[in-house]
Amino acid sequence: MFTSLRGLSGDLVEITVNGAPLQVVAGQSVWSAMALNGFTVTRKAAVSGQDRSAYCAMGVCFECLVEIDGLPNQQACLRRVSAGMVINTQHITEASEVYHAEL
């Protein structure tokens, strides 16, 4: 469905997306690495549960939120992949438990 105009030139790094190890070009965006490998869903809509993905791909819409290395709400279109990165589709819904840090 997606193809890279730049090709696969450059150093490859290994990342993990939803438990699957992938070899991707270092420095490309997390979203492009995901999409080029068939992972087009970045999160589920909080209320409806519908699949969401990058819409603007430039950091304005916040549709591409993913969990990166255990940290939720990371914009996949703005973050660059790096070796060992662990990325997961985000499933934060109305039913999710919210934790607040003690101040």
C-alpha atoms as a PDB file:
ATOM      1  CA  MET A   1       0.000   0.000   0.000  1.00  0.00           C
ATOM      2  CA  PHE A   2       2.803   2.423   0.878  1.00  0.00           C
ATOM      3  CA  THR A   3       6.166   2.792  -0.792  1.00  0.00           C
ATOM      4  CA  SER A   4       9.166   4.915   0.064  1.00  0.00           C
ATOM      5  CA  LEU A   5      10.316   7.467  -2.503  1.00  0.00           C
ATOM      6  CA  ARG A   6      13.742   7.344  -0.918  1.00  0.00           C
ATOM      7  CA  GLY A   7      14.056   3.552  -1.077  1.00  0.00           C
ATOM      8  CA  LEU A   8      15.874   1.449   1.482  1.00  0.00           C
ATOM      9  CA  SER A   9      19.186   3.257   1.198  1.00  0.00           C
ATOM     10  CA  GLY A  10      20.987   4.017   4.422  1.00  0.00           C
ATOM     11  CA  ASP A  11      21.907   2.231   7.614  1.00  0.00           C
ATOM     12  CA  LEU A  12      19.359  -0.262   8.893  1.00  0.00           C
ATOM     13  CA  VAL A  13      18.362  -0.530  12.554  1.00  0.00           C
ATOM     14  CA  GLU A  14      16.139  -3.045  14.307  1.00  0.00           C
ATOM     15  CA  ILE A  15      12.970  -1.867  16.004  1.00  0.00           C
ATOM     16  CA  THR A  16       9.987  -3.759  17.370  1.00  0.00           C
ATOM     17  CA  VAL A  17       6.421  -2.867  16.378  1.00  0.00           C
ATOM     18  CA  ASN A  18       3.595  -4.620  18.242  1.00  0.00           C
ATOM     19  CA  GLY A  19       5.990  -7.431  19.102  1.00  0.00           C
ATOM     20  CA  ALA A  20       7.325  -7.888  15.547  1.00  0.00           C
ATOM     21  CA  PRO A  21      11.045  -7.227  14.959  1.00  0.00           C
ATOM     22  CA  LEU A  22      11.673  -5.055  11.882  1.00  0.00           C
ATOM     23  CA  GLN A  23      14.714  -3.817  10.005  1.00  0.00           C
ATOM     24  CA  VAL A  24      14.120  -0.180   9.002  1.00  0.00           C
ATOM     25  CA  VAL A  25      16.185   2.727   7.700  1.00  0.00           C
ATOM     26  CA  ALA A  26      17.714   4.699  10.561  1.00  0.00           C
ATOM     27  CA  GLY A  27      16.312   8.197  10.932  1.00  0.00           C
ATOM     28  CA  GLN A  28      13.000   7.703   9.142  1.00  0.00           C
ATOM     29  CA  SER A  29       9.862   8.646  11.026  1.00  0.00           C
ATOM     30  CA  VAL A  30       8.239   6.071  13.255  1.00  0.00           C
ATOM     31  CA  TRP A  31       5.020   6.376  11.246  1.00  0.00           C
ATOM     32  CA  SER A  32       6.726   5.766   7.885  1.00  0.00           C
ATOM     33  CA  ALA A  33       8.587   2.764   9.317  1.00  0.00           C
ATOM     34  CA  MET A  34       5.291   1.368  10.587  1.00  0.00           C
ATOM     35  CA  ALA A  35       3.313   2.055   7.399  1.00  0.00           C
ATOM     36  CA  LEU A  36       5.985   0.648   5.090  1.00  0.00           C
ATOM     37  CA  ASN A  37       5.825  -2.585   7.091  1.00  0.00           C
ATOM     38  CA  GLY A  38       2.035  -2.916   7.119  1.00  0.00           C
ATOM     39  CA  PHE A  39       1.318  -1.363  10.520  1.00  0.00           C
ATOM     40  CA  THR A  40      -0.995   1.459   9.462  1.00  0.00           C
ATOM     41  CA  VAL A  41      -3.069   1.689  12.667  1.00  0.00           C
ATOM     42  CA  THR A  42      -1.364   3.822  15.306  1.00  0.00           C
ATOM     43  CA  ARG A  43      -4.122   3.994  17.906  1.00  0.00           C
ATOM     44  CA  LYS A  44      -7.785   3.312  18.613  1.00  0.00           C
ATOM     45  CA  ALA A  45     -10.172   6.250  18.979  1.00  0.00           C
ATOM     46  CA  ALA A  46     -10.849   6.749  22.692  1.00  0.00           C
ATOM     47  CA  VAL A  47     -14.652   6.761  22.482  1.00  0.00           C
ATOM     48  CA  SER A  48     -15.589   4.776  19.355  1.00  0.00           C
ATOM     49  CA  GLY A  49     -12.640   2.359  19.302  1.00  0.00           C
ATOM     50  CA  GLN A  50     -12.160   2.968  15.559  1.00  0.00           C
ATOM     51  CA  ASP A  51      -8.727   2.599  13.977  1.00  0.00           C
ATOM     52  CA  ARG A  52      -6.732   5.829  13.633  1.00  0.00           C
ATOM     53  CA  SER A  53      -3.523   6.659  11.792  1.00  0.00           C
ATOM     54  CA  ALA A  54      -1.486   9.620  10.589  1.00  0.00           C
ATOM     55  CA  TYR A  55      -3.689  12.191   8.925  1.00  0.00           C
ATOM     56  CA  CYS A  56      -1.489  15.244   8.442  1.00  0.00           C
ATOM     57  CA  ALA A  57       1.902  13.515   8.960  1.00  0.00           C
ATOM     58  CA  MET A  58       3.413  16.795  10.183  1.00  0.00           C
ATOM     59  CA  GLY A  59       2.503  16.953  13.869  1.00  0.00           C
ATOM     60  CA  VAL A  60      -0.678  19.012  13.783  1.00  0.00           C
ATOM     61  CA  CYS A  61      -3.552  16.516  14.092  1.00  0.00           C
ATOM     62  CA  PHE A  62      -2.317  14.099  16.826  1.00  0.00           C
ATOM     63  CA  GLU A  63      -3.980  11.123  15.090  1.00  0.00           C
ATOM     64  CA  CYS A  64      -0.728   9.126  14.993  1.00  0.00           C
ATOM     65  CA  LEU A  65      -0.194   8.735  18.745  1.00  0.00           C
ATOM     66  CA  VAL A  66       1.679   5.562  19.711  1.00  0.00           C
ATOM     67  CA  GLU A  67       3.495   4.167  22.716  1.00  0.00           C
ATOM     68  CA  ILE A  68       7.290   4.312  22.299  1.00  0.00           C
ATOM     69  CA  ASP A  69       9.541   2.548  24.793  1.00  0.00           C
ATOM     70  CA  GLY A  70       6.671   2.424  27.300  1.00  0.00           C
ATOM     71  CA  LEU A  71       5.818   6.132  27.008  1.00  0.00           C
ATOM     72  CA  PRO A  72       2.305   6.778  25.617  1.00  0.00           C
ATOM     73  CA  ASN A  73       1.076   9.671  23.463  1.00  0.00           C
ATOM     74  CA  GLN A  74       4.137   9.969  21.222  1.00  0.00           C
ATOM     75  CA  GLN A  75       3.541  11.421  17.752  1.00  0.00           C
ATOM     76  CA  ALA A  76       4.731   8.769  15.298  1.00  0.00           C
ATOM     77  CA  CYS A  77       5.061  11.284  12.459  1.00  0.00           C
ATOM     78  CA  LEU A  78       7.520  13.461  14.413  1.00  0.00           C
ATOM     79  CA  ARG A  79       9.683  10.840  16.148  1.00  0.00           C
ATOM     80  CA  ARG A  80      12.620   9.251  14.315  1.00  0.00           C
ATOM     81  CA  VAL A  81      13.391   5.562  14.674  1.00  0.00           C
ATOM     82  CA  SER A  82      16.483   4.500  16.545  1.00  0.00           C
ATOM     83  CA  ALA A  83      18.021   1.107  17.223  1.00  0.00           C
ATOM     84  CA  GLY A  84      16.142  -0.977  19.775  1.00  0.00           C
ATOM     85  CA  MET A  85      13.031   1.218  19.835  1.00  0.00           C
ATOM     86  CA  VAL A  86       9.872  -0.600  20.961  1.00  0.00           C
ATOM     87  CA  ILE A  87       6.660   0.779  19.441  1.00  0.00           C
ATOM     88  CA  ASN A  88       3.108  -0.296  20.238  1.00  0.00           C
ATOM     89  CA  THR A  89      -0.294   0.678  18.924  1.00  0.00           C
ATOM     90  CA  GLN A  90      -1.968   2.789  21.578  1.00  0.00           C
ATOM     91  CA  HIS A  91      -5.217   1.559  23.150  1.00  0.00           C
ATOM     92  CA  ILE A  92      -6.313   4.302  25.541  1.00  0.00           C
ATOM     93  CA  THR A  93     -10.102   4.362  25.847  1.00  0.00           C
ATOM     94  CA  GLU A  94     -12.764   5.723  28.167  1.00  0.00           C
ATOM     95  CA  ALA A  95     -12.364   2.520  30.176  1.00  0.00           C
ATOM     96  CA  SER A  96      -8.581   2.884  30.575  1.00  0.00           C
ATOM     97  CA  GLU A  97      -7.344   3.548  34.075  1.00  0.00           C
ATOM     98  CA  VAL A  98      -5.560   6.864  34.437  1.00  0.00           C
ATOM     99  CA  TYR A  99      -2.673   7.281  36.852  1.00  0.00           C
ATOM    100  CA  HIS A 100      -1.771  10.672  38.258  1.00  0.00           C
ATOM    101  CA  ALA A 101       1.637  11.522  39.639  1.00  0.00           C
ATOM    102  CA  GLU A 102       1.749  12.697  43.208  1.00  0.00           C
ATOM    103  CA  LEU A 103       2.689  16.368  43.392  1.00  0.00           C
END
